[in-house]
Structure formats: C-alpha cells, structure tokens
Amino acid sequence: MATLYDIPLRTLAGEPTTLGTWREKAVLVVNVASQCGLTPQYTGLERLQKAYGERGFTVVGIPCNQFAGQEPGTAEEIAAFCSTSYGVSFPLLEKTEVNGENRHPLYTELTAVPDAEGAAGDVQWNFEKFLIDADGRVVARIRPGTDPEAPEVVAAIEALL
C-alpha cells in the first residue's frame, strides 16, 4: 500500500524527493505564499523549526499560487524571499496546486483528512497546515488562520516528539 512517504515530490530547486526524506520525523506540511496577509506566519514556522528541529521535527513549505495569485514568483525568487525576509531554514518544495483538477496527489491525500470540526475537502487558503506523525499518518489539520505557534499546534507537535 502506498503511503504519503511514497508520493513523488520536487524540491524548490527541482530535485526529486518524497516525504520519505523525513520518515520517522514529525512533519508540518504548509502551503505557503510570499504576498499573503498570512505571510508573517513564516516567522512562527521558522521558530518551530528552530525549537523542534533537533528533536525530530521539520516544517515543509509548499508554495502555492492558487489563492489570489499570492505566490507569483519563480523558484529562485521564492527561495530568495524566504531566506532574506524570514531566514527560512526548513525545506521548501516546488510550487504546487493544492486544489482543483490539477491538485497534486499529496494534496489529494491531505485534503481527505478532516480538521478538528470534522470538515475535510479543499484547502481554504495559504498557510493551511497538516501535521504528520513519524509513521506518515496525518494527525492534525490546522486551518490557515491558526498561528503556527498557537498552544494547540505546539501541544500537537510536542505530543509527537
């Protein structure tokens, strides 16, 4: 049976990868954008990376331009923005569609998972978060408006470490 770890992905630099790269870690997958009102969430995501990275956790950012064209840049522009503006050290994957007929297979799996209120389906906006445990199971779906450092997010991450 295929798992989230087996779905082919590409890094922001265009190299092939999978979530299997982070097997046995807790992973917070986040669709990100550089020109969004929620873009300052990069700060909290980077703080999570710094706080928990050595304990078996990583953030994985996946740029997406499907929400009001808020991630129009090239891979190089996205990398430069994230590095210069927010000091992002966590991995970034290539720009990806998270909804619609060209939805990436990873997001086909992720969007089948309900949030805390029981609602599954399309990603609502930039910075929707999916917490994956060390066995590759989605254990939490966190909607975009929730700060990455919200107590419930931190508690969910800590429970996996």
C-alpha atoms as a PDB file:
ATOM      1  CA  MET A   1       0.000   0.000   0.000  1.00  0.00           C
ATOM      2  CA  ALA A   2       1.388   3.403  -0.977  1.00  0.00           C
ATOM      3  CA  THR A   3       1.794   5.985   1.779  1.00  0.00           C
ATOM      4  CA  LEU A   4       2.344   9.719   1.957  1.00  0.00           C
ATOM      5  CA  TYR A   5       6.046   8.851   2.033  1.00  0.00           C
ATOM      6  CA  ASP A   6       5.862   7.370  -1.476  1.00  0.00           C
ATOM      7  CA  ILE A   7       4.270  10.273  -3.372  1.00  0.00           C
ATOM      8  CA  PRO A   8       6.808  11.853  -5.754  1.00  0.00           C
ATOM      9  CA  LEU A   9       7.599  15.490  -4.996  1.00  0.00           C
ATOM     10  CA  ARG A  10      10.219  18.007  -6.118  1.00  0.00           C
ATOM     11  CA  THR A  11      12.297  20.399  -4.066  1.00  0.00           C
ATOM     12  CA  LEU A  12      12.162  24.107  -4.808  1.00  0.00           C
ATOM     13  CA  ALA A  13      15.408  23.558  -6.737  1.00  0.00           C
ATOM     14  CA  GLY A  14      13.648  20.957  -8.910  1.00  0.00           C
ATOM     15  CA  GLU A  15      15.276  17.849  -7.446  1.00  0.00           C
ATOM     16  CA  PRO A  16      13.138  14.730  -6.941  1.00  0.00           C
ATOM     17  CA  THR A  17      12.174  13.958  -3.339  1.00  0.00           C
ATOM     18  CA  THR A  18       9.395  12.458  -1.215  1.00  0.00           C
ATOM     19  CA  LEU A  19       8.124  12.978   2.300  1.00  0.00           C
ATOM     20  CA  GLY A  20      10.024   9.748   2.964  1.00  0.00           C
ATOM     21  CA  THR A  21      13.066  12.013   3.281  1.00  0.00           C
ATOM     22  CA  TRP A  22      11.655  12.912   6.700  1.00  0.00           C
ATOM     23  CA  ARG A  23      10.486   9.409   7.647  1.00  0.00           C
ATOM     24  CA  GLU A  24      10.457   8.939  11.421  1.00  0.00           C
ATOM     25  CA  LYS A  25      10.063  12.672  11.999  1.00  0.00           C
ATOM     26  CA  ALA A  26       7.015  14.750  12.762  1.00  0.00           C
ATOM     27  CA  VAL A  27       6.347  16.923   9.706  1.00  0.00           C
ATOM     28  CA  LEU A  28       4.231  20.062   9.425  1.00  0.00           C
ATOM     29  CA  VAL A  29       3.294  20.474   5.751  1.00  0.00           C
ATOM     30  CA  VAL A  30       2.204  24.044   4.962  1.00  0.00           C
ATOM     31  CA  ASN A  31       1.131  25.617   1.683  1.00  0.00           C
ATOM     32  CA  VAL A  32       2.898  28.973   1.713  1.00  0.00           C
ATOM     33  CA  ALA A  33       2.819  32.252  -0.224  1.00  0.00           C
ATOM     34  CA  SER A  34       5.022  35.342  -0.260  1.00  0.00           C
ATOM     35  CA  GLN A  35       2.370  38.021  -0.845  1.00  0.00           C
ATOM     36  CA  CYS A  36      -0.392  36.994   1.554  1.00  0.00           C
ATOM     37  CA  GLY A  37      -1.735  38.652   4.668  1.00  0.00           C
ATOM     38  CA  LEU A  38      -0.720  35.445   6.454  1.00  0.00           C
ATOM     39  CA  THR A  39       2.869  35.526   5.124  1.00  0.00           C
ATOM     40  CA  PRO A  40       4.159  36.662   8.550  1.00  0.00           C
ATOM     41  CA  GLN A  41       3.368  33.096   9.688  1.00  0.00           C
ATOM     42  CA  TYR A  42       6.776  32.265   8.200  1.00  0.00           C
ATOM     43  CA  THR A  43       8.213  33.749  11.420  1.00  0.00           C
ATOM     44  CA  GLY A  44       6.361  31.259  13.609  1.00  0.00           C
ATOM     45  CA  LEU A  45       7.079  28.368  11.270  1.00  0.00           C
ATOM     46  CA  GLU A  46      10.790  29.147  11.410  1.00  0.00           C
ATOM     47  CA  ARG A  47      10.669  29.401  15.210  1.00  0.00           C
ATOM     48  CA  LEU A  48       9.023  25.947  15.328  1.00  0.00           C
ATOM     49  CA  GLN A  49      11.775  24.622  13.054  1.00  0.00           C
ATOM     50  CA  LYS A  50      14.468  26.051  15.323  1.00  0.00           C
ATOM     51  CA  ALA A  51      12.766  24.903  18.541  1.00  0.00           C
ATOM     52  CA  TYR A  52      11.971  21.335  17.489  1.00  0.00           C
ATOM     53  CA  GLY A  53      14.212  20.530  14.517  1.00  0.00           C
ATOM     54  CA  GLU A  54      16.806  18.711  16.585  1.00  0.00           C
ATOM     55  CA  ARG A  55      14.092  16.702  18.327  1.00  0.00           C
ATOM     56  CA  GLY A  56      12.798  15.012  15.174  1.00  0.00           C
ATOM     57  CA  PHE A  57      10.526  17.646  13.606  1.00  0.00           C
ATOM     58  CA  THR A  58      10.521  19.645  10.410  1.00  0.00           C
ATOM     59  CA  VAL A  59       8.323  22.136   8.645  1.00  0.00           C
ATOM     60  CA  VAL A  60       7.956  21.529   4.898  1.00  0.00           C
ATOM     61  CA  GLY A  61       6.776  24.582   2.969  1.00  0.00           C
ATOM     62  CA  ILE A  62       4.958  24.118  -0.323  1.00  0.00           C
ATOM     63  CA  PRO A  63       4.499  27.352  -2.295  1.00  0.00           C
ATOM     64  CA  CYS A  64       1.105  27.714  -3.956  1.00  0.00           C
ATOM     65  CA  ASN A  65      -0.201  30.425  -6.288  1.00  0.00           C
ATOM     66  CA  GLN A  66      -3.852  29.337  -6.307  1.00  0.00           C
ATOM     67  CA  PHE A  67      -5.134  31.892  -3.800  1.00  0.00           C
ATOM     68  CA  ALA A  68      -5.415  35.362  -5.356  1.00  0.00           C
ATOM     69  CA  GLY A  69      -2.075  34.904  -7.155  1.00  0.00           C
ATOM     70  CA  GLN A  70      -0.173  35.485  -3.903  1.00  0.00           C
ATOM     71  CA  GLU A  71       2.854  33.356  -4.886  1.00  0.00           C
ATOM     72  CA  PRO A  72       3.699  34.549  -8.413  1.00  0.00           C
ATOM     73  CA  GLY A  73       7.491  34.239  -8.166  1.00  0.00           C
ATOM     74  CA  THR A  74       9.920  31.819  -9.724  1.00  0.00           C
ATOM     75  CA  ALA A  75      11.606  29.178  -7.585  1.00  0.00           C
ATOM     76  CA  GLU A  76      14.644  31.435  -7.289  1.00  0.00           C
ATOM     77  CA  GLU A  77      12.530  34.423  -6.237  1.00  0.00           C
ATOM     78  CA  ILE A  78      10.650  32.342  -3.666  1.00  0.00           C
ATOM     79  CA  ALA A  79      13.900  30.989  -2.205  1.00  0.00           C
ATOM     80  CA  ALA A  80      15.428  34.468  -2.019  1.00  0.00           C
ATOM     81  CA  PHE A  81      12.308  35.960  -0.403  1.00  0.00           C
ATOM     82  CA  CYS A  82      12.054  33.214   2.222  1.00  0.00           C
ATOM     83  CA  SER A  83      15.743  33.383   3.063  1.00  0.00           C
ATOM     84  CA  THR A  84      16.104  37.156   3.093  1.00  0.00           C
ATOM     85  CA  SER A  85      12.762  38.146   4.628  1.00  0.00           C
ATOM     86  CA  TYR A  86      12.256  35.339   7.150  1.00  0.00           C
ATOM     87  CA  GLY A  87      15.523  33.397   7.433  1.00  0.00           C
ATOM     88  CA  VAL A  88      13.715  30.219   6.445  1.00  0.00           C
ATOM     89  CA  SER A  89      15.864  27.156   7.087  1.00  0.00           C
ATOM     90  CA  PHE A  90      13.190  24.495   6.633  1.00  0.00           C
ATOM     91  CA  PRO A  91      12.800  22.706   3.302  1.00  0.00           C
ATOM     92  CA  LEU A  92      10.693  24.221   0.537  1.00  0.00           C
ATOM     93  CA  LEU A  93       9.188  22.199  -2.275  1.00  0.00           C
ATOM     94  CA  GLU A  94       8.251  23.319  -5.768  1.00  0.00           C
ATOM     95  CA  LYS A  95       5.199  25.473  -6.394  1.00  0.00           C
ATOM     96  CA  THR A  96       2.208  23.131  -6.270  1.00  0.00           C
ATOM     97  CA  GLU A  97      -1.534  23.170  -6.867  1.00  0.00           C
ATOM     98  CA  VAL A  98      -3.409  22.136  -3.735  1.00  0.00           C
ATOM     99  CA  ASN A  99      -6.977  22.285  -5.080  1.00  0.00           C
ATOM    100  CA  GLY A 100      -8.816  21.682  -8.336  1.00  0.00           C
ATOM    101  CA  GLU A 101      -8.338  19.311 -11.253  1.00  0.00           C
ATOM    102  CA  ASN A 102      -4.539  19.700 -11.166  1.00  0.00           C
ATOM    103  CA  ARG A 103      -4.329  19.099  -7.406  1.00  0.00           C
ATOM    104  CA  HIS A 104      -1.048  17.377  -6.558  1.00  0.00           C
ATOM    105  CA  PRO A 105      -1.503  13.745  -5.396  1.00  0.00           C
ATOM    106  CA  LEU A 106      -0.061  14.689  -1.993  1.00  0.00           C
ATOM    107  CA  TYR A 107      -2.901  17.154  -1.516  1.00  0.00           C
ATOM    108  CA  THR A 108      -5.447  14.610  -2.749  1.00  0.00           C
ATOM    109  CA  GLU A 109      -4.453  12.592   0.321  1.00  0.00           C
ATOM    110  CA  LEU A 110      -4.072  15.515   2.717  1.00  0.00           C
ATOM    111  CA  THR A 111      -7.405  17.160   1.886  1.00  0.00           C
ATOM    112  CA  ALA A 112      -9.258  13.910   2.621  1.00  0.00           C
ATOM    113  CA  VAL A 113      -8.354  14.441   6.292  1.00  0.00           C
ATOM    114  CA  PRO A 114     -10.872  16.417   8.361  1.00  0.00           C
ATOM    115  CA  ASP A 115      -9.989  19.329  10.607  1.00  0.00           C
ATOM    116  CA  ALA A 116     -10.897  19.487  14.319  1.00  0.00           C
ATOM    117  CA  GLU A 117     -14.508  20.329  13.424  1.00  0.00           C
ATOM    118  CA  GLY A 118     -14.775  17.316  11.117  1.00  0.00           C
ATOM    119  CA  ALA A 119     -14.581  19.221   7.811  1.00  0.00           C
ATOM    120  CA  ALA A 120     -12.433  17.721   5.053  1.00  0.00           C
ATOM    121  CA  GLY A 121     -12.112  18.969   1.469  1.00  0.00           C
ATOM    122  CA  ASP A 122     -10.271  21.758  -0.293  1.00  0.00           C
ATOM    123  CA  VAL A 123      -7.505  23.786   1.283  1.00  0.00           C
ATOM    124  CA  GLN A 124      -9.150  27.045   2.372  1.00  0.00           C
ATOM    125  CA  TRP A 125      -6.257  29.472   1.821  1.00  0.00           C
ATOM    126  CA  ASN A 126      -2.496  29.909   2.101  1.00  0.00           C
ATOM    127  CA  PHE A 127      -0.855  28.588   5.273  1.00  0.00           C
ATOM    128  CA  GLU A 128      -3.162  25.628   5.879  1.00  0.00           C
ATOM    129  CA  LYS A 129      -1.169  23.120   7.920  1.00  0.00           C
ATOM    130  CA  PHE A 130      -1.114  19.318   8.086  1.00  0.00           C
ATOM    131  CA  LEU A 131       0.763  17.615  10.929  1.00  0.00           C
ATOM    132  CA  ILE A 132       2.114  14.183  10.018  1.00  0.00           C
ATOM    133  CA  ASP A 133       3.470  11.755  12.602  1.00  0.00           C
ATOM    134  CA  ALA A 134       6.671   9.714  12.344  1.00  0.00           C
ATOM    135  CA  ASP A 135       4.715   6.842  10.753  1.00  0.00           C
ATOM    136  CA  GLY A 136       3.391   9.036   7.928  1.00  0.00           C
ATOM    137  CA  ARG A 137      -0.151   9.498   9.255  1.00  0.00           C
ATOM    138  CA  VAL A 138      -1.883  12.881   9.242  1.00  0.00           C
ATOM    139  CA  VAL A 139      -2.752  13.548  12.886  1.00  0.00           C
ATOM    140  CA  ALA A 140      -3.983  17.148  12.633  1.00  0.00           C
ATOM    141  CA  ARG A 141      -5.312  19.534  10.014  1.00  0.00           C
ATOM    142  CA  ILE A 142      -4.893  23.145  11.055  1.00  0.00           C
ATOM    143  CA  ARG A 143      -6.710  25.859   9.156  1.00  0.00           C
ATOM    144  CA  PRO A 144      -4.884  28.906   7.755  1.00  0.00           C
ATOM    145  CA  GLY A 145      -5.944  31.450  10.371  1.00  0.00           C
ATOM    146  CA  THR A 146      -4.386  29.447  13.194  1.00  0.00           C
ATOM    147  CA  ASP A 147      -0.971  30.785  14.138  1.00  0.00           C
ATOM    148  CA  PRO A 148       1.744  28.123  13.831  1.00  0.00           C
ATOM    149  CA  GLU A 149       2.754  28.813  17.437  1.00  0.00           C
ATOM    150  CA  ALA A 150      -0.785  28.570  18.830  1.00  0.00           C
ATOM    151  CA  PRO A 151      -0.865  26.458  22.006  1.00  0.00           C
ATOM    152  CA  GLU A 152      -2.850  23.670  20.348  1.00  0.00           C
ATOM    153  CA  VAL A 153      -0.347  23.434  17.469  1.00  0.00           C
ATOM    154  CA  VAL A 154       2.653  23.392  19.802  1.00  0.00           C
ATOM    155  CA  ALA A 155       0.955  20.775  22.012  1.00  0.00           C
ATOM    156  CA  ALA A 156       0.228  18.573  18.961  1.00  0.00           C
ATOM    157  CA  ILE A 157       3.859  18.820  17.826  1.00  0.00           C
ATOM    158  CA  GLU A 158       5.218  18.113  21.297  1.00  0.00           C
ATOM    159  CA  ALA A 159       2.938  15.067  21.623  1.00  0.00           C
ATOM    160  CA  LEU A 160       4.707  13.550  18.598  1.00  0.00           C
ATOM    161  CA  LEU A 161       8.267  14.126  19.832  1.00  0.00           C
END
